Amino acid sequence: MLAAAIMVVMVSCKNCGKEFRLTAVRIDSGESLKTGTFSNVNEVCPHCGQMNTYNEKSMIWREE
């Protein structure tokens, strides 16, 4: 049996512009992308320490 791929979510910091992984959002299937609501996710950038709010339009989905 094959293991399910984990989807991770990346964003670009609104302050410094560096890309990082959101820790608050993690899904295990493409179906979750269609049914989930991913808005107003607050995350601190690990590069500059600035807190920002991200929505689905600013998220980049990647398979891990």
PDB file of N, CA and C in Angstrom:
ATOM      1  N   MET A   1       0.838  -1.176   0.000  1.00  0.00           N
ATOM      2  CA  MET A   1       0.000   0.000   0.000  1.00  0.00           C
ATOM      3  C   MET A   1       0.886   1.242   0.000  1.00  0.00           C
ATOM      4  N   LEU A   2       0.579   2.194  -0.854  1.00  0.00           N
ATOM      5  CA  LEU A   2       1.356   3.422  -0.948  1.00  0.00           C
ATOM      6  C   LEU A   2       0.915   4.415   0.119  1.00  0.00           C
ATOM      7  N   ALA A   3       1.879   5.144   0.651  1.00  0.00           N
ATOM      8  CA  ALA A   3       1.558   6.185   1.629  1.00  0.00           C
ATOM      9  C   ALA A   3       0.961   7.385   0.913  1.00  0.00           C
ATOM     10  N   ALA A   4       0.013   8.015   1.571  1.00  0.00           N
ATOM     11  CA  ALA A   4      -0.616   9.210   0.996  1.00  0.00           C
ATOM     12  C   ALA A   4       0.376  10.355   1.007  1.00  0.00           C
ATOM     13  N   ALA A   5       0.344  11.139  -0.038  1.00  0.00           N
ATOM     14  CA  ALA A   5       1.212  12.313  -0.108  1.00  0.00           C
ATOM     15  C   ALA A   5       0.663  13.385   0.817  1.00  0.00           C
ATOM     16  N   ILE A   6       1.540  14.076   1.476  1.00  0.00           N
ATOM     17  CA  ILE A   6       1.156  15.177   2.350  1.00  0.00           C
ATOM     18  C   ILE A   6       1.338  16.471   1.576  1.00  0.00           C
ATOM     19  N   MET A   7       0.319  17.313   1.623  1.00  0.00           N
ATOM     20  CA  MET A   7       0.411  18.616   0.976  1.00  0.00           C
ATOM     21  C   MET A   7       0.860  19.635   2.016  1.00  0.00           C
ATOM     22  N   VAL A   8       1.847  20.418   1.667  1.00  0.00           N
ATOM     23  CA  VAL A   8       2.285  21.503   2.540  1.00  0.00           C
ATOM     24  C   VAL A   8       1.942  22.820   1.861  1.00  0.00           C
ATOM     25  N   VAL A   9       1.840  23.830   2.658  1.00  0.00           N
ATOM     26  CA  VAL A   9       1.436  25.129   2.151  1.00  0.00           C
ATOM     27  C   VAL A   9       2.569  26.121   2.375  1.00  0.00           C
ATOM     28  N   MET A  10       2.965  26.774   1.303  1.00  0.00           N
ATOM     29  CA  MET A  10       4.014  27.777   1.348  1.00  0.00           C
ATOM     30  C   MET A  10       3.393  29.142   1.091  1.00  0.00           C
ATOM     31  N   VAL A  11       3.991  30.170   1.672  1.00  0.00           N
ATOM     32  CA  VAL A  11       3.587  31.554   1.410  1.00  0.00           C
ATOM     33  C   VAL A  11       4.840  32.401   1.316  1.00  0.00           C
ATOM     34  N   SER A  12       4.704  33.558   0.717  1.00  0.00           N
ATOM     35  CA  SER A  12       5.777  34.549   0.709  1.00  0.00           C
ATOM     36  C   SER A  12       5.435  35.574   1.776  1.00  0.00           C
ATOM     37  N   CYS A  13       6.382  35.872   2.633  1.00  0.00           N
ATOM     38  CA  CYS A  13       6.176  36.839   3.704  1.00  0.00           C
ATOM     39  C   CYS A  13       5.800  38.194   3.111  1.00  0.00           C
ATOM     40  N   LYS A  14       4.774  38.804   3.677  1.00  0.00           N
ATOM     41  CA  LYS A  14       4.333  40.124   3.216  1.00  0.00           C
ATOM     42  C   LYS A  14       5.300  41.217   3.633  1.00  0.00           C
ATOM     43  N   ASN A  15       6.193  40.920   4.573  1.00  0.00           N
ATOM     44  CA  ASN A  15       7.153  41.908   5.048  1.00  0.00           C
ATOM     45  C   ASN A  15       8.499  41.787   4.319  1.00  0.00           C
ATOM     46  N   CYS A  16       9.121  40.607   4.373  1.00  0.00           N
ATOM     47  CA  CYS A  16      10.461  40.451   3.792  1.00  0.00           C
ATOM     48  C   CYS A  16      10.470  39.766   2.426  1.00  0.00           C
ATOM     49  N   GLY A  17       9.345  39.121   2.035  1.00  0.00           N
ATOM     50  CA  GLY A  17       9.246  38.495   0.728  1.00  0.00           C
ATOM     51  C   GLY A  17       9.804  37.087   0.629  1.00  0.00           C
ATOM     52  N   LYS A  18      10.397  36.565   1.711  1.00  0.00           N
ATOM     53  CA  LYS A  18      10.958  35.216   1.666  1.00  0.00           C
ATOM     54  C   LYS A  18       9.857  34.186   1.836  1.00  0.00           C
ATOM     55  N   GLU A  19      10.002  33.068   1.130  1.00  0.00           N
ATOM     56  CA  GLU A  19       9.021  32.000   1.167  1.00  0.00           C
ATOM     57  C   GLU A  19       9.255  31.109   2.382  1.00  0.00           C
ATOM     58  N   PHE A  20       8.151  30.662   3.002  1.00  0.00           N
ATOM     59  CA  PHE A  20       8.253  29.730   4.120  1.00  0.00           C
ATOM     60  C   PHE A  20       7.002  28.876   4.199  1.00  0.00           C
ATOM     61  N   ARG A  21       7.091  27.785   4.930  1.00  0.00           N
ATOM     62  CA  ARG A  21       5.991  26.840   5.092  1.00  0.00           C
ATOM     63  C   ARG A  21       5.069  27.291   6.221  1.00  0.00           C
ATOM     64  N   LEU A  22       3.771  27.293   5.950  1.00  0.00           N
ATOM     65  CA  LEU A  22       2.790  27.579   7.002  1.00  0.00           C
ATOM     66  C   LEU A  22       2.688  26.347   7.893  1.00  0.00           C
ATOM     67  N   THR A  23       2.775  26.535   9.179  1.00  0.00           N
ATOM     68  CA  THR A  23       2.649  25.398  10.088  1.00  0.00           C
ATOM     69  C   THR A  23       1.197  25.152  10.475  1.00  0.00           C
ATOM     70  N   ALA A  24       0.333  26.150  10.307  1.00  0.00           N
ATOM     71  CA  ALA A  24      -1.063  26.040  10.721  1.00  0.00           C
ATOM     72  C   ALA A  24      -1.921  25.281   9.717  1.00  0.00           C
ATOM     73  N   VAL A  25      -1.428  25.077   8.489  1.00  0.00           N
ATOM     74  CA  VAL A  25      -2.222  24.418   7.449  1.00  0.00           C
ATOM     75  C   VAL A  25      -1.438  23.236   6.910  1.00  0.00           C
ATOM     76  N   ARG A  26      -2.053  22.056   6.987  1.00  0.00           N
ATOM     77  CA  ARG A  26      -1.441  20.839   6.459  1.00  0.00           C
ATOM     78  C   ARG A  26      -2.574  19.890   6.105  1.00  0.00           C
ATOM     79  N   ILE A  27      -2.584  19.393   4.895  1.00  0.00           N
ATOM     80  CA  ILE A  27      -3.655  18.494   4.463  1.00  0.00           C
ATOM     81  C   ILE A  27      -3.060  17.229   3.879  1.00  0.00           C
ATOM     82  N   ASP A  28      -3.910  16.207   3.721  1.00  0.00           N
ATOM     83  CA  ASP A  28      -3.398  14.924   3.237  1.00  0.00           C
ATOM     84  C   ASP A  28      -3.976  14.473   1.902  1.00  0.00           C
ATOM     85  N   SER A  29      -4.803  15.321   1.260  1.00  0.00           N
ATOM     86  CA  SER A  29      -5.327  14.922  -0.046  1.00  0.00           C
ATOM     87  C   SER A  29      -5.775  16.137  -0.849  1.00  0.00           C
ATOM     88  N   GLY A  30      -5.857  15.924  -2.137  1.00  0.00           N
ATOM     89  CA  GLY A  30      -6.340  16.968  -3.015  1.00  0.00           C
ATOM     90  C   GLY A  30      -7.799  17.293  -2.764  1.00  0.00           C
ATOM     91  N   GLU A  31      -8.561  16.331  -2.281  1.00  0.00           N
ATOM     92  CA  GLU A  31      -9.972  16.576  -1.973  1.00  0.00           C
ATOM     93  C   GLU A  31     -10.118  17.607  -0.864  1.00  0.00           C
ATOM     94  N   SER A  32      -9.205  17.618   0.077  1.00  0.00           N
ATOM     95  CA  SER A  32      -9.250  18.599   1.159  1.00  0.00           C
ATOM     96  C   SER A  32      -9.085  20.011   0.612  1.00  0.00           C
ATOM     97  N   LEU A  33      -8.378  20.140  -0.488  1.00  0.00           N
ATOM     98  CA  LEU A  33      -8.217  21.454  -1.124  1.00  0.00           C
ATOM     99  C   LEU A  33      -9.561  21.986  -1.602  1.00  0.00           C
ATOM    100  N   LYS A  34     -10.408  21.083  -2.111  1.00  0.00           N
ATOM    101  CA  LYS A  34     -11.701  21.487  -2.649  1.00  0.00           C
ATOM    102  C   LYS A  34     -12.712  21.801  -1.547  1.00  0.00           C
ATOM    103  N   THR A  35     -12.606  21.113  -0.420  1.00  0.00           N
ATOM    104  CA  THR A  35     -13.608  21.257   0.633  1.00  0.00           C
ATOM    105  C   THR A  35     -13.158  22.144   1.785  1.00  0.00           C
ATOM    106  N   GLY A  36     -11.877  22.392   1.911  1.00  0.00           N
ATOM    107  CA  GLY A  36     -11.376  23.183   3.031  1.00  0.00           C
ATOM    108  C   GLY A  36     -11.498  24.676   2.798  1.00  0.00           C
ATOM    109  N   THR A  37     -11.543  25.402   3.880  1.00  0.00           N
ATOM    110  CA  THR A  37     -11.542  26.858   3.817  1.00  0.00           C
ATOM    111  C   THR A  37     -10.258  27.329   4.486  1.00  0.00           C
ATOM    112  N   PHE A  38      -9.448  28.007   3.744  1.00  0.00           N
ATOM    113  CA  PHE A  38      -8.156  28.438   4.255  1.00  0.00           C
ATOM    114  C   PHE A  38      -8.067  29.951   4.141  1.00  0.00           C
ATOM    115  N   SER A  39      -8.557  30.631   5.143  1.00  0.00           N
ATOM    116  CA  SER A  39      -8.523  32.085   5.119  1.00  0.00           C
ATOM    117  C   SER A  39      -8.161  32.606   6.498  1.00  0.00           C
ATOM    118  N   ASN A  40      -7.598  33.785   6.519  1.00  0.00           N
ATOM    119  CA  ASN A  40      -7.223  34.444   7.761  1.00  0.00           C
ATOM    120  C   ASN A  40      -6.353  33.564   8.651  1.00  0.00           C
ATOM    121  N   VAL A  41      -5.313  32.981   8.045  1.00  0.00           N
ATOM    122  CA  VAL A  41      -4.362  32.167   8.783  1.00  0.00           C
ATOM    123  C   VAL A  41      -3.230  33.078   9.242  1.00  0.00           C
ATOM    124  N   ASN A  42      -3.062  33.202  10.545  1.00  0.00           N
ATOM    125  CA  ASN A  42      -1.996  34.033  11.105  1.00  0.00           C
ATOM    126  C   ASN A  42      -0.740  33.198  11.291  1.00  0.00           C
ATOM    127  N   GLU A  43       0.387  33.728  10.824  1.00  0.00           N
ATOM    128  CA  GLU A  43       1.645  33.002  10.923  1.00  0.00           C
ATOM    129  C   GLU A  43       2.793  33.998  11.071  1.00  0.00           C
ATOM    130  N   VAL A  44       3.779  33.624  11.870  1.00  0.00           N
ATOM    131  CA  VAL A  44       4.978  34.447  12.056  1.00  0.00           C
ATOM    132  C   VAL A  44       6.037  33.963  11.078  1.00  0.00           C
ATOM    133  N   CYS A  45       6.621  34.872  10.333  1.00  0.00           N
ATOM    134  CA  CYS A  45       7.686  34.531   9.383  1.00  0.00           C
ATOM    135  C   CYS A  45       8.931  34.099  10.161  1.00  0.00           C
ATOM    136  N   PRO A  46       9.483  32.937   9.839  1.00  0.00           N
ATOM    137  CA  PRO A  46      10.687  32.488  10.534  1.00  0.00           C
ATOM    138  C   PRO A  46      11.938  33.283  10.149  1.00  0.00           C
ATOM    139  N   HIS A  47      11.845  34.061   9.088  1.00  0.00           N
ATOM    140  CA  HIS A  47      12.996  34.839   8.622  1.00  0.00           C
ATOM    141  C   HIS A  47      13.085  36.208   9.296  1.00  0.00           C
ATOM    142  N   CYS A  48      11.947  36.918   9.377  1.00  0.00           N
ATOM    143  CA  CYS A  48      11.979  38.283   9.912  1.00  0.00           C
ATOM    144  C   CYS A  48      11.196  38.452  11.209  1.00  0.00           C
ATOM    145  N   GLY A  49      10.403  37.438  11.597  1.00  0.00           N
ATOM    146  CA  GLY A  49       9.657  37.487  12.839  1.00  0.00           C
ATOM    147  C   GLY A  49       8.366  38.285  12.780  1.00  0.00           C
ATOM    148  N   GLN A  50       7.966  38.731  11.598  1.00  0.00           N
ATOM    149  CA  GLN A  50       6.757  39.542  11.430  1.00  0.00           C
ATOM    150  C   GLN A  50       5.525  38.653  11.331  1.00  0.00           C
ATOM    151  N   MET A  51       4.479  38.969  12.098  1.00  0.00           N
ATOM    152  CA  MET A  51       3.195  38.257  12.022  1.00  0.00           C
ATOM    153  C   MET A  51       2.369  38.844  10.887  1.00  0.00           C
ATOM    154  N   ASN A  52       1.823  37.962  10.048  1.00  0.00           N
ATOM    155  CA  ASN A  52       0.950  38.383   8.960  1.00  0.00           C
ATOM    156  C   ASN A  52      -0.219  37.422   8.856  1.00  0.00           C
ATOM    157  N   THR A  53      -1.257  37.853   8.171  1.00  0.00           N
ATOM    158  CA  THR A  53      -2.437  37.031   7.924  1.00  0.00           C
ATOM    159  C   THR A  53      -2.464  36.662   6.452  1.00  0.00           C
ATOM    160  N   TYR A  54      -2.671  35.374   6.174  1.00  0.00           N
ATOM    161  CA  TYR A  54      -2.672  34.873   4.801  1.00  0.00           C
ATOM    162  C   TYR A  54      -4.023  34.255   4.484  1.00  0.00           C
ATOM    163  N   ASN A  55      -4.392  34.312   3.203  1.00  0.00           N
ATOM    164  CA  ASN A  55      -5.618  33.670   2.749  1.00  0.00           C
ATOM    165  C   ASN A  55      -5.273  32.700   1.629  1.00  0.00           C
ATOM    166  N   GLU A  56      -6.262  32.019   1.125  1.00  0.00           N
ATOM    167  CA  GLU A  56      -6.044  30.981   0.122  1.00  0.00           C
ATOM    168  C   GLU A  56      -5.364  31.506  -1.143  1.00  0.00           C
ATOM    169  N   LYS A  57      -5.638  32.731  -1.532  1.00  0.00           N
ATOM    170  CA  LYS A  57      -5.039  33.300  -2.742  1.00  0.00           C
ATOM    171  C   LYS A  57      -3.522  33.463  -2.627  1.00  0.00           C
ATOM    172  N   SER A  58      -3.011  33.635  -1.416  1.00  0.00           N
ATOM    173  CA  SER A  58      -1.572  33.826  -1.239  1.00  0.00           C
ATOM    174  C   SER A  58      -0.826  32.529  -0.963  1.00  0.00           C
ATOM    175  N   MET A  59      -1.541  31.409  -0.903  1.00  0.00           N
ATOM    176  CA  MET A  59      -0.923  30.129  -0.566  1.00  0.00           C
ATOM    177  C   MET A  59      -0.469  29.359  -1.790  1.00  0.00           C
ATOM    178  N   ILE A  60       0.661  28.698  -1.664  1.00  0.00           N
ATOM    179  CA  ILE A  60       1.239  27.869  -2.720  1.00  0.00           C
ATOM    180  C   ILE A  60       1.235  26.439  -2.193  1.00  0.00           C
ATOM    181  N   TRP A  61       0.524  25.537  -2.868  1.00  0.00           N
ATOM    182  CA  TRP A  61       0.391  24.150  -2.412  1.00  0.00           C
ATOM    183  C   TRP A  61       1.465  23.285  -3.040  1.00  0.00           C
ATOM    184  N   ARG A  62       2.145  22.494  -2.189  1.00  0.00           N
ATOM    185  CA  ARG A  62       3.201  21.591  -2.680  1.00  0.00           C
ATOM    186  C   ARG A  62       3.038  20.222  -2.054  1.00  0.00           C
ATOM    187  N   GLU A  63       3.340  19.204  -2.847  1.00  0.00           N
ATOM    188  CA  GLU A  63       3.311  17.838  -2.337  1.00  0.00           C
ATOM    189  C   GLU A  63       4.656  17.532  -1.706  1.00  0.00           C
ATOM    190  N   GLU A  64       4.618  16.947  -0.527  1.00  0.00           N
ATOM    191  CA  GLU A  64       5.865  16.640   0.201  1.00  0.00           C
ATOM    192  C   GLU A  64       6.228  15.189  -0.004  1.00  0.00           C
TER     193      GLU A  64
END
